[in-house]
Amino acid sequence: MKEQKSNMKKNKIGLIEVKAALNDSRFRKMLPSDLDEEIIKFLSNPSCPCNVPLYRKVLKDCTSQLSKYYPDREIVTLAILKRS
């Protein structure tokens, strides 16, 4: 049962996966240009917690790009993230 639960978590796209994807120029090229300014800020300081709103925006507005980048994973909904 525990193994099944950990596998479920591995198959989700959450904030950590968004952060990892944003570090990849191939993923960034897929994103809309209106995010460019925020992405530049992210790249200048990727470990800053101030980037969390960008991660959430990508999770909410860029689902098709995330699905292409992580084809075997499911996107975590923002309602789930707010509970955490």
PDB file of N, CA and C in Angstrom:
ATOM      1  N   MET A   1       0.829  -1.193   0.000  1.00  0.00           N
ATOM      2  CA  MET A   1       0.000   0.000   0.000  1.00  0.00           C
ATOM      3  C   MET A   1       0.871   1.254   0.000  1.00  0.00           C
ATOM      4  N   LYS A   2       1.922   1.262   0.843  1.00  0.00           N
ATOM      5  CA  LYS A   2       2.816   2.399   0.914  1.00  0.00           C
ATOM      6  C   LYS A   2       3.511   2.625  -0.430  1.00  0.00           C
ATOM      7  N   GLU A   3       3.937   1.532  -1.077  1.00  0.00           N
ATOM      8  CA  GLU A   3       4.609   1.630  -2.368  1.00  0.00           C
ATOM      9  C   GLU A   3       3.680   2.227  -3.421  1.00  0.00           C
ATOM     10  N   GLN A   4       2.425   1.830  -3.396  1.00  0.00           N
ATOM     11  CA  GLN A   4       1.448   2.357  -4.349  1.00  0.00           C
ATOM     12  C   GLN A   4       1.247   3.860  -4.128  1.00  0.00           C
ATOM     13  N   LYS A   5       1.217   4.296  -2.886  1.00  0.00           N
ATOM     14  CA  LYS A   5       1.036   5.714  -2.579  1.00  0.00           C
ATOM     15  C   LYS A   5       2.234   6.529  -3.076  1.00  0.00           C
ATOM     16  N   SER A   6       3.449   6.013  -2.888  1.00  0.00           N
ATOM     17  CA  SER A   6       4.632   6.744  -3.355  1.00  0.00           C
ATOM     18  C   SER A   6       4.683   6.779  -4.870  1.00  0.00           C
ATOM     19  N   ASN A   7       4.220   5.734  -5.539  1.00  0.00           N
ATOM     20  CA  ASN A   7       4.158   5.738  -7.001  1.00  0.00           C
ATOM     21  C   ASN A   7       3.179   6.777  -7.498  1.00  0.00           C
ATOM     22  N   MET A   8       2.071   6.976  -6.771  1.00  0.00           N
ATOM     23  CA  MET A   8       1.082   7.970  -7.168  1.00  0.00           C
ATOM     24  C   MET A   8       1.701   9.362  -7.111  1.00  0.00           C
ATOM     25  N   LYS A   9       2.502   9.634  -6.093  1.00  0.00           N
ATOM     26  CA  LYS A   9       3.134  10.938  -5.972  1.00  0.00           C
ATOM     27  C   LYS A   9       4.151  11.154  -7.084  1.00  0.00           C
ATOM     28  N   LYS A  10       4.856  10.108  -7.475  1.00  0.00           N
ATOM     29  CA  LYS A  10       5.863  10.224  -8.519  1.00  0.00           C
ATOM     30  C   LYS A  10       5.238  10.537  -9.872  1.00  0.00           C
ATOM     31  N   ASN A  11       3.996  10.183 -10.069  1.00  0.00           N
ATOM     32  CA  ASN A  11       3.352  10.381 -11.356  1.00  0.00           C
ATOM     33  C   ASN A  11       2.608  11.711 -11.457  1.00  0.00           C
ATOM     34  N   LYS A  12       2.828  12.600 -10.533  1.00  0.00           N
ATOM     35  CA  LYS A  12       2.151  13.895 -10.525  1.00  0.00           C
ATOM     36  C   LYS A  12       3.122  14.997 -10.946  1.00  0.00           C
ATOM     37  N   ILE A  13       2.562  16.046 -11.523  1.00  0.00           N
ATOM     38  CA  ILE A  13       3.335  17.246 -11.829  1.00  0.00           C
ATOM     39  C   ILE A  13       2.920  18.302 -10.812  1.00  0.00           C
ATOM     40  N   GLY A  14       3.860  18.689  -9.990  1.00  0.00           N
ATOM     41  CA  GLY A  14       3.598  19.702  -8.973  1.00  0.00           C
ATOM     42  C   GLY A  14       4.603  20.842  -9.089  1.00  0.00           C
ATOM     43  N   LEU A  15       4.731  21.604  -8.035  1.00  0.00           N
ATOM     44  CA  LEU A  15       5.605  22.776  -8.049  1.00  0.00           C
ATOM     45  C   LEU A  15       7.068  22.419  -8.303  1.00  0.00           C
ATOM     46  N   ILE A  16       7.527  21.325  -7.744  1.00  0.00           N
ATOM     47  CA  ILE A  16       8.928  20.916  -7.919  1.00  0.00           C
ATOM     48  C   ILE A  16       9.207  20.571  -9.381  1.00  0.00           C
ATOM     49  N   GLU A  17       8.268  19.883 -10.003  1.00  0.00           N
ATOM     50  CA  GLU A  17       8.439  19.524 -11.414  1.00  0.00           C
ATOM     51  C   GLU A  17       8.399  20.753 -12.319  1.00  0.00           C
ATOM     52  N   VAL A  18       7.544  21.716 -11.971  1.00  0.00           N
ATOM     53  CA  VAL A  18       7.484  22.963 -12.738  1.00  0.00           C
ATOM     54  C   VAL A  18       8.817  23.696 -12.625  1.00  0.00           C
ATOM     55  N   LYS A  19       9.357  23.761 -11.421  1.00  0.00           N
ATOM     56  CA  LYS A  19      10.650  24.422 -11.225  1.00  0.00           C
ATOM     57  C   LYS A  19      11.732  23.733 -12.059  1.00  0.00           C
ATOM     58  N   ALA A  20      11.752  22.415 -12.054  1.00  0.00           N
ATOM     59  CA  ALA A  20      12.743  21.678 -12.846  1.00  0.00           C
ATOM     60  C   ALA A  20      12.561  21.943 -14.340  1.00  0.00           C
ATOM     61  N   ALA A  21      11.321  21.969 -14.791  1.00  0.00           N
ATOM     62  CA  ALA A  21      11.046  22.208 -16.208  1.00  0.00           C
ATOM     63  C   ALA A  21      11.480  23.614 -16.616  1.00  0.00           C
ATOM     64  N   LEU A  22      11.272  24.591 -15.737  1.00  0.00           N
ATOM     65  CA  LEU A  22      11.654  25.967 -16.049  1.00  0.00           C
ATOM     66  C   LEU A  22      13.167  26.133 -16.206  1.00  0.00           C
ATOM     67  N   ASN A  23      13.914  25.227 -15.650  1.00  0.00           N
ATOM     68  CA  ASN A  23      15.369  25.254 -15.825  1.00  0.00           C
ATOM     69  C   ASN A  23      15.795  24.740 -17.189  1.00  0.00           C
ATOM     70  N   ASP A  24      14.893  24.134 -17.919  1.00  0.00           N
ATOM     71  CA  ASP A  24      15.188  23.548 -19.237  1.00  0.00           C
ATOM     72  C   ASP A  24      14.747  24.516 -20.336  1.00  0.00           C
ATOM     73  N   SER A  25      15.682  24.942 -21.164  1.00  0.00           N
ATOM     74  CA  SER A  25      15.373  25.906 -22.225  1.00  0.00           C
ATOM     75  C   SER A  25      14.357  25.351 -23.224  1.00  0.00           C
ATOM     76  N   ARG A  26      14.335  24.029 -23.412  1.00  0.00           N
ATOM     77  CA  ARG A  26      13.352  23.427 -24.337  1.00  0.00           C
ATOM     78  C   ARG A  26      11.932  23.646 -23.831  1.00  0.00           C
ATOM     79  N   PHE A  27      11.732  23.526 -22.520  1.00  0.00           N
ATOM     80  CA  PHE A  27      10.413  23.768 -21.943  1.00  0.00           C
ATOM     81  C   PHE A  27      10.061  25.252 -22.008  1.00  0.00           C
ATOM     82  N   ARG A  28      11.011  26.103 -21.652  1.00  0.00           N
ATOM     83  CA  ARG A  28      10.749  27.546 -21.659  1.00  0.00           C
ATOM     84  C   ARG A  28      10.330  28.036 -23.039  1.00  0.00           C
ATOM     85  N   LYS A  29      10.871  27.456 -24.092  1.00  0.00           N
ATOM     86  CA  LYS A  29      10.510  27.850 -25.456  1.00  0.00           C
ATOM     87  C   LYS A  29       9.049  27.534 -25.778  1.00  0.00           C
ATOM     88  N   MET A  30       8.464  26.583 -25.074  1.00  0.00           N
ATOM     89  CA  MET A  30       7.067  26.208 -25.305  1.00  0.00           C
ATOM     90  C   MET A  30       6.081  27.159 -24.625  1.00  0.00           C
ATOM     91  N   LEU A  31       6.564  27.960 -23.683  1.00  0.00           N
ATOM     92  CA  LEU A  31       5.684  28.799 -22.874  1.00  0.00           C
ATOM     93  C   LEU A  31       5.293  30.089 -23.607  1.00  0.00           C
ATOM     94  N   PRO A  32       4.151  30.650 -23.242  1.00  0.00           N
ATOM     95  CA  PRO A  32       3.719  31.909 -23.868  1.00  0.00           C
ATOM     96  C   PRO A  32       4.679  33.055 -23.530  1.00  0.00           C
ATOM     97  N   SER A  33       4.808  33.987 -24.461  1.00  0.00           N
ATOM     98  CA  SER A  33       5.760  35.088 -24.292  1.00  0.00           C
ATOM     99  C   SER A  33       5.386  36.031 -23.155  1.00  0.00           C
ATOM    100  N   ASP A  34       4.136  36.027 -22.727  1.00  0.00           N
ATOM    101  CA  ASP A  34       3.756  36.917 -21.621  1.00  0.00           C
ATOM    102  C   ASP A  34       4.390  36.497 -20.287  1.00  0.00           C
ATOM    103  N   LEU A  35       5.006  35.325 -20.248  1.00  0.00           N
ATOM    104  CA  LEU A  35       5.699  34.874 -19.035  1.00  0.00           C
ATOM    105  C   LEU A  35       7.189  35.209 -19.059  1.00  0.00           C
ATOM    106  N   ASP A  36       7.673  35.771 -20.169  1.00  0.00           N
ATOM    107  CA  ASP A  36       9.113  36.010 -20.331  1.00  0.00           C
ATOM    108  C   ASP A  36       9.736  36.804 -19.180  1.00  0.00           C
ATOM    109  N   GLU A  37       9.088  37.863 -18.770  1.00  0.00           N
ATOM    110  CA  GLU A  37       9.647  38.704 -17.711  1.00  0.00           C
ATOM    111  C   GLU A  37       9.793  37.913 -16.403  1.00  0.00           C
ATOM    112  N   GLU A  38       8.773  37.154 -16.054  1.00  0.00           N
ATOM    113  CA  GLU A  38       8.833  36.345 -14.825  1.00  0.00           C
ATOM    114  C   GLU A  38       9.875  35.238 -14.933  1.00  0.00           C
ATOM    115  N   ILE A  39      10.023  34.684 -16.129  1.00  0.00           N
ATOM    116  CA  ILE A  39      11.013  33.617 -16.335  1.00  0.00           C
ATOM    117  C   ILE A  39      12.423  34.182 -16.199  1.00  0.00           C
ATOM    118  N   ILE A  40      12.644  35.378 -16.699  1.00  0.00           N
ATOM    119  CA  ILE A  40      13.960  36.013 -16.552  1.00  0.00           C
ATOM    120  C   ILE A  40      14.278  36.215 -15.072  1.00  0.00           C
ATOM    121  N   LYS A  41      13.299  36.661 -14.293  1.00  0.00           N
ATOM    122  CA  LYS A  41      13.487  36.819 -12.845  1.00  0.00           C
ATOM    123  C   LYS A  41      13.791  35.469 -12.188  1.00  0.00           C
ATOM    124  N   PHE A  42      13.058  34.431 -12.619  1.00  0.00           N
ATOM    125  CA  PHE A  42      13.286  33.079 -12.092  1.00  0.00           C
ATOM    126  C   PHE A  42      14.716  32.639 -12.368  1.00  0.00           C
ATOM    127  N   LEU A  43      15.179  32.828 -13.605  1.00  0.00           N
ATOM    128  CA  LEU A  43      16.511  32.370 -13.991  1.00  0.00           C
ATOM    129  C   LEU A  43      17.619  33.108 -13.240  1.00  0.00           C
ATOM    130  N   SER A  44      17.349  34.345 -12.837  1.00  0.00           N
ATOM    131  CA  SER A  44      18.362  35.093 -12.095  1.00  0.00           C
ATOM    132  C   SER A  44      18.474  34.622 -10.649  1.00  0.00           C
ATOM    133  N   ASN A  45      17.414  34.011 -10.122  1.00  0.00           N
ATOM    134  CA  ASN A  45      17.436  33.517  -8.741  1.00  0.00           C
ATOM    135  C   ASN A  45      16.449  32.345  -8.603  1.00  0.00           C
ATOM    136  N   PRO A  46      16.798  31.177  -9.146  1.00  0.00           N
ATOM    137  CA  PRO A  46      15.848  30.055  -9.170  1.00  0.00           C
ATOM    138  C   PRO A  46      15.479  29.474  -7.806  1.00  0.00           C
ATOM    139  N   SER A  47      16.273  29.740  -6.778  1.00  0.00           N
ATOM    140  CA  SER A  47      15.959  29.169  -5.465  1.00  0.00           C
ATOM    141  C   SER A  47      15.082  30.075  -4.601  1.00  0.00           C
ATOM    142  N   CYS A  48      14.716  31.241  -5.121  1.00  0.00           N
ATOM    143  CA  CYS A  48      13.919  32.186  -4.338  1.00  0.00           C
ATOM    144  C   CYS A  48      12.467  31.716  -4.209  1.00  0.00           C
ATOM    145  N   PRO A  49      11.931  31.750  -2.993  1.00  0.00           N
ATOM    146  CA  PRO A  49      10.515  31.393  -2.809  1.00  0.00           C
ATOM    147  C   PRO A  49       9.569  32.368  -3.525  1.00  0.00           C
ATOM    148  N   CYS A  50      10.104  33.515  -3.928  1.00  0.00           N
ATOM    149  CA  CYS A  50       9.279  34.492  -4.646  1.00  0.00           C
ATOM    150  C   CYS A  50       8.839  33.974  -6.019  1.00  0.00           C
ATOM    151  N   ASN A  51       9.397  32.849  -6.453  1.00  0.00           N
ATOM    152  CA  ASN A  51       9.032  32.263  -7.741  1.00  0.00           C
ATOM    153  C   ASN A  51       7.792  31.371  -7.676  1.00  0.00           C
ATOM    154  N   VAL A  52       7.319  31.075  -6.490  1.00  0.00           N
ATOM    155  CA  VAL A  52       6.163  30.185  -6.339  1.00  0.00           C
ATOM    156  C   VAL A  52       4.944  30.676  -7.130  1.00  0.00           C
ATOM    157  N   PRO A  53       4.631  31.968  -7.154  1.00  0.00           N
ATOM    158  CA  PRO A  53       3.499  32.404  -7.983  1.00  0.00           C
ATOM    159  C   PRO A  53       3.681  32.060  -9.466  1.00  0.00           C
ATOM    160  N   LEU A  54       4.918  32.113  -9.953  1.00  0.00           N
ATOM    161  CA  LEU A  54       5.188  31.706 -11.345  1.00  0.00           C
ATOM    162  C   LEU A  54       4.902  30.218 -11.516  1.00  0.00           C
ATOM    163  N   TYR A  55       5.355  29.391 -10.586  1.00  0.00           N
ATOM    164  CA  TYR A  55       5.108  27.950 -10.675  1.00  0.00           C
ATOM    165  C   TYR A  55       3.604  27.672 -10.725  1.00  0.00           C
ATOM    166  N   ARG A  56       2.864  28.365  -9.874  1.00  0.00           N
ATOM    167  CA  ARG A  56       1.405  28.176  -9.835  1.00  0.00           C
ATOM    168  C   ARG A  56       0.760  28.637 -11.138  1.00  0.00           C
ATOM    169  N   LYS A  57       1.247  29.737 -11.684  1.00  0.00           N
ATOM    170  CA  LYS A  57       0.710  30.242 -12.950  1.00  0.00           C
ATOM    171  C   LYS A  57       0.963  29.235 -14.076  1.00  0.00           C
ATOM    172  N   VAL A  58       2.158  28.657 -14.093  1.00  0.00           N
ATOM    173  CA  VAL A  58       2.480  27.651 -15.111  1.00  0.00           C
ATOM    174  C   VAL A  58       1.588  26.427 -14.932  1.00  0.00           C
ATOM    175  N   LEU A  59       1.395  25.990 -13.687  1.00  0.00           N
ATOM    176  CA  LEU A  59       0.511  24.845 -13.418  1.00  0.00           C
ATOM    177  C   LEU A  59      -0.920  25.119 -13.885  1.00  0.00           C
ATOM    178  N   LYS A  60      -1.368  26.342 -13.713  1.00  0.00           N
ATOM    179  CA  LYS A  60      -2.749  26.690 -14.049  1.00  0.00           C
ATOM    180  C   LYS A  60      -2.941  26.949 -15.537  1.00  0.00           C
ATOM    181  N   ASP A  61      -2.015  27.699 -16.143  1.00  0.00           N
ATOM    182  CA  ASP A  61      -2.227  28.206 -17.494  1.00  0.00           C
ATOM    183  C   ASP A  61      -1.476  27.458 -18.597  1.00  0.00           C
ATOM    184  N   CYS A  62      -0.546  26.612 -18.246  1.00  0.00           N
ATOM    185  CA  CYS A  62       0.299  25.961 -19.261  1.00  0.00           C
ATOM    186  C   CYS A  62       0.200  24.443 -19.178  1.00  0.00           C
ATOM    187  N   THR A  63      -1.002  23.958 -19.016  1.00  0.00           N
ATOM    188  CA  THR A  63      -1.183  22.515 -18.838  1.00  0.00           C
ATOM    189  C   THR A  63      -0.774  21.711 -20.081  1.00  0.00           C
ATOM    190  N   SER A  64      -1.032  22.229 -21.260  1.00  0.00           N
ATOM    191  CA  SER A  64      -0.664  21.468 -22.463  1.00  0.00           C
ATOM    192  C   SER A  64       0.854  21.363 -22.596  1.00  0.00           C
ATOM    193  N   GLN A  65       1.566  22.435 -22.264  1.00  0.00           N
ATOM    194  CA  GLN A  65       3.020  22.395 -22.327  1.00  0.00           C
ATOM    195  C   GLN A  65       3.599  21.434 -21.284  1.00  0.00           C
ATOM    196  N   LEU A  66       3.023  21.453 -20.083  1.00  0.00           N
ATOM    197  CA  LEU A  66       3.476  20.527 -19.046  1.00  0.00           C
ATOM    198  C   LEU A  66       3.208  19.075 -19.442  1.00  0.00           C
ATOM    199  N   SER A  67       2.059  18.834 -20.053  1.00  0.00           N
ATOM    200  CA  SER A  67       1.723  17.475 -20.484  1.00  0.00           C
ATOM    201  C   SER A  67       2.670  16.982 -21.574  1.00  0.00           C
ATOM    202  N   LYS A  68       3.110  17.893 -22.434  1.00  0.00           N
ATOM    203  CA  LYS A  68       4.074  17.512 -23.471  1.00  0.00           C
ATOM    204  C   LYS A  68       5.450  17.251 -22.864  1.00  0.00           C
ATOM    205  N   TYR A  69       5.833  18.037 -21.890  1.00  0.00           N
ATOM    206  CA  TYR A  69       7.140  17.899 -21.256  1.00  0.00           C
ATOM    207  C   TYR A  69       7.191  16.667 -20.348  1.00  0.00           C
ATOM    208  N   TYR A  70       6.104  16.400 -19.646  1.00  0.00           N
ATOM    209  CA  TYR A  70       5.988  15.229 -18.765  1.00  0.00           C
ATOM    210  C   TYR A  70       4.840  14.359 -19.270  1.00  0.00           C
ATOM    211  N   PRO A  71       5.014  13.638 -20.366  1.00  0.00           N
ATOM    212  CA  PRO A  71       3.889  12.913 -20.976  1.00  0.00           C
ATOM    213  C   PRO A  71       3.310  11.778 -20.129  1.00  0.00           C
ATOM    214  N   ASP A  72       4.077  11.245 -19.193  1.00  0.00           N
ATOM    215  CA  ASP A  72       3.609  10.116 -18.386  1.00  0.00           C
ATOM    216  C   ASP A  72       3.109  10.530 -17.012  1.00  0.00           C
ATOM    217  N   ARG A  73       2.895  11.827 -16.810  1.00  0.00           N
ATOM    218  CA  ARG A  73       2.471  12.312 -15.494  1.00  0.00           C
ATOM    219  C   ARG A  73       1.169  13.095 -15.576  1.00  0.00           C
ATOM    220  N   GLU A  74       0.538  13.208 -14.422  1.00  0.00           N
ATOM    221  CA  GLU A  74      -0.727  13.928 -14.292  1.00  0.00           C
ATOM    222  C   GLU A  74      -0.482  15.243 -13.553  1.00  0.00           C
ATOM    223  N   ILE A  75      -1.152  16.294 -13.980  1.00  0.00           N
ATOM    224  CA  ILE A  75      -0.968  17.605 -13.371  1.00  0.00           C
ATOM    225  C   ILE A  75      -1.760  17.693 -12.067  1.00  0.00           C
ATOM    226  N   VAL A  76      -1.074  18.137 -11.012  1.00  0.00           N
ATOM    227  CA  VAL A  76      -1.726  18.356  -9.720  1.00  0.00           C
ATOM    228  C   VAL A  76      -2.594  19.595  -9.849  1.00  0.00           C
ATOM    229  N   THR A  77      -3.829  19.505  -9.380  1.00  0.00           N
ATOM    230  CA  THR A  77      -4.702  20.678  -9.449  1.00  0.00           C
ATOM    231  C   THR A  77      -4.341  21.661  -8.350  1.00  0.00           C
ATOM    232  N   LEU A  78      -4.633  22.922  -8.575  1.00  0.00           N
ATOM    233  CA  LEU A  78      -4.301  23.949  -7.587  1.00  0.00           C
ATOM    234  C   LEU A  78      -5.075  23.760  -6.291  1.00  0.00           C
ATOM    235  N   ALA A  79      -6.253  23.174  -6.363  1.00  0.00           N
ATOM    236  CA  ALA A  79      -7.015  22.915  -5.134  1.00  0.00           C
ATOM    237  C   ALA A  79      -6.256  21.978  -4.211  1.00  0.00           C
ATOM    238  N   ILE A  80      -5.582  21.000  -4.770  1.00  0.00           N
ATOM    239  CA  ILE A  80      -4.773  20.070  -3.968  1.00  0.00           C
ATOM    240  C   ILE A  80      -3.585  20.805  -3.382  1.00  0.00           C
ATOM    241  N   LEU A  81      -2.956  21.658  -4.184  1.00  0.00           N
ATOM    242  CA  LEU A  81      -1.780  22.393  -3.706  1.00  0.00           C
ATOM    243  C   LEU A  81      -2.123  23.321  -2.547  1.00  0.00           C
ATOM    244  N   LYS A  82      -3.285  23.924  -2.562  1.00  0.00           N
ATOM    245  CA  LYS A  82      -3.672  24.848  -1.507  1.00  0.00           C
ATOM    246  C   LYS A  82      -3.873  24.143  -0.185  1.00  0.00           C
ATOM    247  N   ARG A  83      -4.243  22.860  -0.218  1.00  0.00           N
ATOM    248  CA  ARG A  83      -4.448  22.095   1.018  1.00  0.00           C
ATOM    249  C   ARG A  83      -3.127  21.756   1.681  1.00  0.00           C
ATOM    250  N   SER A  84      -2.053  21.659   0.890  1.00  0.00           N
ATOM    251  CA  SER A  84      -0.759  21.246   1.425  1.00  0.00           C
ATOM    252  C   SER A  84      -0.107  22.300   2.266  1.00  0.00           C
TER     253      SER A  84
END
